Structure formats: C-alpha cells, structure tokens
C-alpha cells in the first residue's frame, strides 16, 4: 500500500463518520494542524512522510483490540 492510499482511506473514513459530508483538504489540514499544501501533497502521493509508513507497520503488528487501545491512548494524549 502506498502512503497516498493510506491518506485517502483515512480521509474517506473520516468523511463517512460525518455522514458522508465532504471535508475539504483545507479543513482536514487545519484539523490536523498542518499546512493544506502539505496534506495535499501527502494525499496525492507527491510527498511521503516516513513516519506514516512506520506507524502503520507498527500498528500492523498489533491485534485489533490492541490497535483500538493504542489509538484511544494517543487521542487522550492529544486531546
């Protein structure tokens, strides 16, 4: 899987969570605290943040329930 595929899957999943309401690249970037151009480059595959692929590989080593626990813990730290 390519990094742009990952960002597109995640973007679509977040849109689905909001009842299919489209989320602009600008709004998504703002919610993530990054520049819109940076997010656009990631989503289009023009730039590939190394951390994203490493994080996905690490999550891939965990069972589903462990992934949920880790993501919730991360969200608490960022929230």
N, C-alpha and C. Protein backbone atom coordinates (compact mmCIF):
# COMPACT_ATOMS: atom_id res chain seq x y z
N UNK A 1 0.84 -1.18 0.00
CA UNK A 1 0.00 0.00 0.00
C UNK A 1 0.88 1.24 0.00
N UNK A 2 0.52 2.18 -0.81
CA UNK A 2 1.25 3.44 -0.90
C UNK A 2 0.72 4.40 0.17
N UNK A 3 1.55 5.36 0.54
CA UNK A 3 1.17 6.33 1.57
C UNK A 3 -0.06 7.14 1.13
N UNK A 4 -0.13 7.51 -0.16
CA UNK A 4 -1.30 8.27 -0.61
C UNK A 4 -2.58 7.45 -0.46
N UNK A 5 -2.49 6.13 -0.66
CA UNK A 5 -3.65 5.26 -0.43
C UNK A 5 -4.09 5.34 1.02
N UNK A 6 -3.14 5.30 1.92
CA UNK A 6 -3.43 5.38 3.35
C UNK A 6 -4.17 6.68 3.68
N UNK A 7 -3.66 7.81 3.20
CA UNK A 7 -4.30 9.09 3.49
C UNK A 7 -5.69 9.17 2.86
N UNK A 8 -5.86 8.62 1.68
CA UNK A 8 -7.18 8.63 1.04
C UNK A 8 -8.17 7.76 1.81
N UNK A 9 -7.74 6.59 2.25
CA UNK A 9 -8.60 5.71 3.04
C UNK A 9 -9.01 6.40 4.34
N UNK A 10 -8.05 6.99 5.03
CA UNK A 10 -8.35 7.67 6.29
C UNK A 10 -9.25 8.89 6.07
N UNK A 11 -8.99 9.65 5.03
CA UNK A 11 -9.81 10.83 4.74
C UNK A 11 -11.25 10.39 4.48
N UNK A 12 -11.42 9.36 3.66
CA UNK A 12 -12.76 8.86 3.35
C UNK A 12 -13.46 8.31 4.58
N UNK A 13 -12.72 7.64 5.45
CA UNK A 13 -13.30 7.09 6.68
C UNK A 13 -13.79 8.21 7.59
N UNK A 14 -13.03 9.30 7.66
CA UNK A 14 -13.45 10.43 8.49
C UNK A 14 -14.68 11.10 7.88
N UNK A 15 -14.72 11.22 6.56
CA UNK A 15 -15.91 11.75 5.92
C UNK A 15 -17.13 10.87 6.21
N UNK A 16 -16.96 9.57 6.14
CA UNK A 16 -18.06 8.64 6.43
C UNK A 16 -18.56 8.81 7.85
N UNK A 17 -17.65 9.04 8.75
CA UNK A 17 -18.02 9.23 10.15
C UNK A 17 -18.87 10.48 10.33
N UNK A 18 -18.71 11.42 9.41
CA UNK A 18 -19.51 12.65 9.42
C UNK A 18 -20.67 12.55 8.43
N UNK A 19 -21.25 11.34 8.34
CA UNK A 19 -22.42 11.08 7.48
C UNK A 19 -22.17 11.39 6.01
N UNK A 20 -20.95 11.14 5.56
CA UNK A 20 -20.62 11.31 4.15
C UNK A 20 -20.39 12.75 3.72
N UNK A 21 -20.43 13.69 4.68
CA UNK A 21 -20.18 15.10 4.35
C UNK A 21 -18.74 15.26 3.89
N UNK A 22 -18.58 15.86 2.71
CA UNK A 22 -17.24 16.06 2.17
C UNK A 22 -16.45 17.01 3.07
N UNK A 23 -15.18 16.68 3.27
CA UNK A 23 -14.28 17.51 4.06
C UNK A 23 -13.19 17.99 3.12
N UNK A 24 -13.03 19.29 3.03
CA UNK A 24 -12.03 19.84 2.12
C UNK A 24 -10.62 19.53 2.63
N UNK A 25 -9.68 19.58 1.72
CA UNK A 25 -8.28 19.39 2.11
C UNK A 25 -7.87 20.46 3.12
N UNK A 26 -8.35 21.68 2.90
CA UNK A 26 -8.02 22.78 3.80
C UNK A 26 -8.54 22.51 5.21
N UNK A 27 -9.80 22.07 5.30
CA UNK A 27 -10.38 21.80 6.62
C UNK A 27 -9.70 20.62 7.31
N UNK A 28 -9.38 19.58 6.54
CA UNK A 28 -8.70 18.42 7.13
C UNK A 28 -7.31 18.83 7.62
N UNK A 29 -6.59 19.57 6.80
CA UNK A 29 -5.25 20.01 7.19
C UNK A 29 -5.31 20.87 8.45
N UNK A 30 -6.28 21.76 8.50
CA UNK A 30 -6.43 22.63 9.66
C UNK A 30 -6.71 21.81 10.92
N UNK A 31 -7.55 20.80 10.81
CA UNK A 31 -7.86 19.96 11.97
C UNK A 31 -6.65 19.16 12.43
N UNK A 32 -5.73 18.89 11.50
CA UNK A 32 -4.50 18.15 11.83
C UNK A 32 -3.36 19.07 12.25
N UNK A 33 -3.54 20.37 12.09
CA UNK A 33 -2.50 21.32 12.46
C UNK A 33 -1.34 21.38 11.50
N UNK A 34 -1.63 21.13 10.21
CA UNK A 34 -0.58 21.19 9.19
C UNK A 34 -1.04 22.08 8.04
N UNK A 35 -0.10 22.45 7.19
CA UNK A 35 -0.42 23.27 6.03
C UNK A 35 -1.25 22.47 5.03
N UNK A 36 -2.18 23.16 4.37
CA UNK A 36 -3.02 22.49 3.38
C UNK A 36 -2.18 21.89 2.26
N UNK A 37 -1.16 22.59 1.84
CA UNK A 37 -0.28 22.09 0.76
C UNK A 37 0.41 20.80 1.18
N UNK A 38 0.83 20.72 2.43
CA UNK A 38 1.47 19.51 2.94
C UNK A 38 0.50 18.34 2.87
N UNK A 39 -0.72 18.55 3.37
CA UNK A 39 -1.72 17.48 3.35
C UNK A 39 -2.06 17.08 1.92
N UNK A 40 -2.19 18.06 1.05
CA UNK A 40 -2.48 17.80 -0.35
C UNK A 40 -1.38 16.94 -0.98
N UNK A 41 -0.14 17.28 -0.71
CA UNK A 41 0.99 16.51 -1.24
C UNK A 41 0.98 15.08 -0.73
N UNK A 42 0.64 14.88 0.54
CA UNK A 42 0.56 13.53 1.09
C UNK A 42 -0.56 12.75 0.42
N UNK A 43 -1.72 13.40 0.28
CA UNK A 43 -2.91 12.73 -0.25
C UNK A 43 -2.74 12.38 -1.73
N UNK A 44 -1.98 13.19 -2.45
CA UNK A 44 -1.75 12.95 -3.87
C UNK A 44 -0.50 12.12 -4.13
N UNK A 45 0.25 11.81 -3.08
CA UNK A 45 1.44 10.99 -3.24
C UNK A 45 2.66 11.73 -3.71
N UNK A 46 2.62 13.07 -3.69
CA UNK A 46 3.78 13.85 -4.11
C UNK A 46 4.84 13.93 -3.02
N UNK A 47 4.42 13.72 -1.78
CA UNK A 47 5.35 13.68 -0.64
C UNK A 47 4.94 12.49 0.21
N UNK A 48 5.92 11.86 0.82
CA UNK A 48 5.66 10.65 1.59
C UNK A 48 6.32 10.75 2.96
N UNK A 49 5.54 11.15 3.96
CA UNK A 49 6.13 11.26 5.30
C UNK A 49 6.54 9.87 5.80
N UNK A 50 7.79 9.72 6.12
CA UNK A 50 8.30 8.42 6.55
C UNK A 50 7.60 7.90 7.79
N UNK A 51 7.25 8.78 8.69
CA UNK A 51 6.63 8.34 9.94
C UNK A 51 5.32 7.62 9.69
N UNK A 52 4.57 8.02 8.68
CA UNK A 52 3.26 7.41 8.41
C UNK A 52 3.41 5.92 8.11
N UNK A 53 4.36 5.56 7.27
CA UNK A 53 4.52 4.15 6.93
C UNK A 53 5.04 3.35 8.12
N UNK A 54 5.90 3.95 8.92
CA UNK A 54 6.42 3.27 10.11
C UNK A 54 5.30 3.04 11.13
N UNK A 55 4.48 4.06 11.35
CA UNK A 55 3.36 3.92 12.28
C UNK A 55 2.42 2.81 11.81
N UNK A 56 2.11 2.77 10.52
CA UNK A 56 1.22 1.73 10.01
C UNK A 56 1.83 0.34 10.16
N UNK A 57 3.11 0.22 9.93
CA UNK A 57 3.77 -1.08 10.11
C UNK A 57 3.72 -1.51 11.57
N UNK A 58 3.92 -0.55 12.48
CA UNK A 58 3.87 -0.88 13.91
C UNK A 58 2.45 -1.29 14.31
N UNK A 59 1.44 -0.55 13.85
CA UNK A 59 0.06 -0.92 14.16
C UNK A 59 -0.29 -2.28 13.57
N UNK A 60 0.30 -2.60 12.43
CA UNK A 60 0.07 -3.90 11.79
C UNK A 60 0.57 -5.08 12.61
N UNK A 61 1.46 -4.81 13.55
CA UNK A 61 1.98 -5.86 14.43
C UNK A 61 1.03 -6.17 15.59
N UNK A 62 0.00 -5.34 15.76
CA UNK A 62 -0.90 -5.48 16.90
C UNK A 62 -2.20 -6.16 16.50
N UNK A 63 -2.88 -6.72 17.49
CA UNK A 63 -4.22 -7.27 17.28
C UNK A 63 -5.21 -6.10 17.28
N UNK A 64 -6.41 -6.34 16.74
CA UNK A 64 -7.41 -5.27 16.60
C UNK A 64 -7.69 -4.55 17.92
N UNK A 65 -7.90 -5.30 18.99
CA UNK A 65 -8.21 -4.67 20.27
C UNK A 65 -7.04 -3.84 20.79
N UNK A 66 -5.83 -4.27 20.50
CA UNK A 66 -4.65 -3.51 20.91
C UNK A 66 -4.54 -2.21 20.12
N UNK A 67 -4.88 -2.27 18.84
CA UNK A 67 -4.86 -1.07 17.99
C UNK A 67 -5.84 -0.03 18.54
N UNK A 68 -7.02 -0.49 18.90
CA UNK A 68 -8.03 0.42 19.44
C UNK A 68 -7.54 1.06 20.73
N UNK A 69 -6.95 0.27 21.61
CA UNK A 69 -6.41 0.81 22.87
C UNK A 69 -5.33 1.85 22.60
N UNK A 70 -4.42 1.56 21.69
CA UNK A 70 -3.32 2.47 21.39
C UNK A 70 -3.85 3.77 20.80
N UNK A 71 -4.76 3.68 19.86
CA UNK A 71 -5.30 4.88 19.22
C UNK A 71 -6.06 5.73 20.24
N UNK A 72 -6.83 5.09 21.09
CA UNK A 72 -7.54 5.84 22.13
C UNK A 72 -6.58 6.52 23.09
N UNK A 73 -5.51 5.84 23.44
CA UNK A 73 -4.50 6.42 24.33
C UNK A 73 -3.85 7.63 23.67
N UNK A 74 -3.52 7.51 22.40
CA UNK A 74 -2.93 8.62 21.65
C UNK A 74 -3.89 9.79 21.61
N UNK A 75 -5.16 9.50 21.35
CA UNK A 75 -6.17 10.57 21.29
C UNK A 75 -6.29 11.29 22.63
N UNK A 76 -6.21 10.56 23.73
CA UNK A 76 -6.27 11.18 25.07
C UNK A 76 -5.08 12.11 25.28
N UNK A 77 -3.90 11.67 24.84
CA UNK A 77 -2.70 12.50 24.99
C UNK A 77 -2.79 13.77 24.15
N UNK A 78 -3.42 13.68 22.99
CA UNK A 78 -3.55 14.83 22.10
C UNK A 78 -4.77 15.68 22.39
N UNK A 79 -5.69 15.16 23.20
CA UNK A 79 -6.97 15.84 23.40
C UNK A 79 -6.95 16.81 24.47
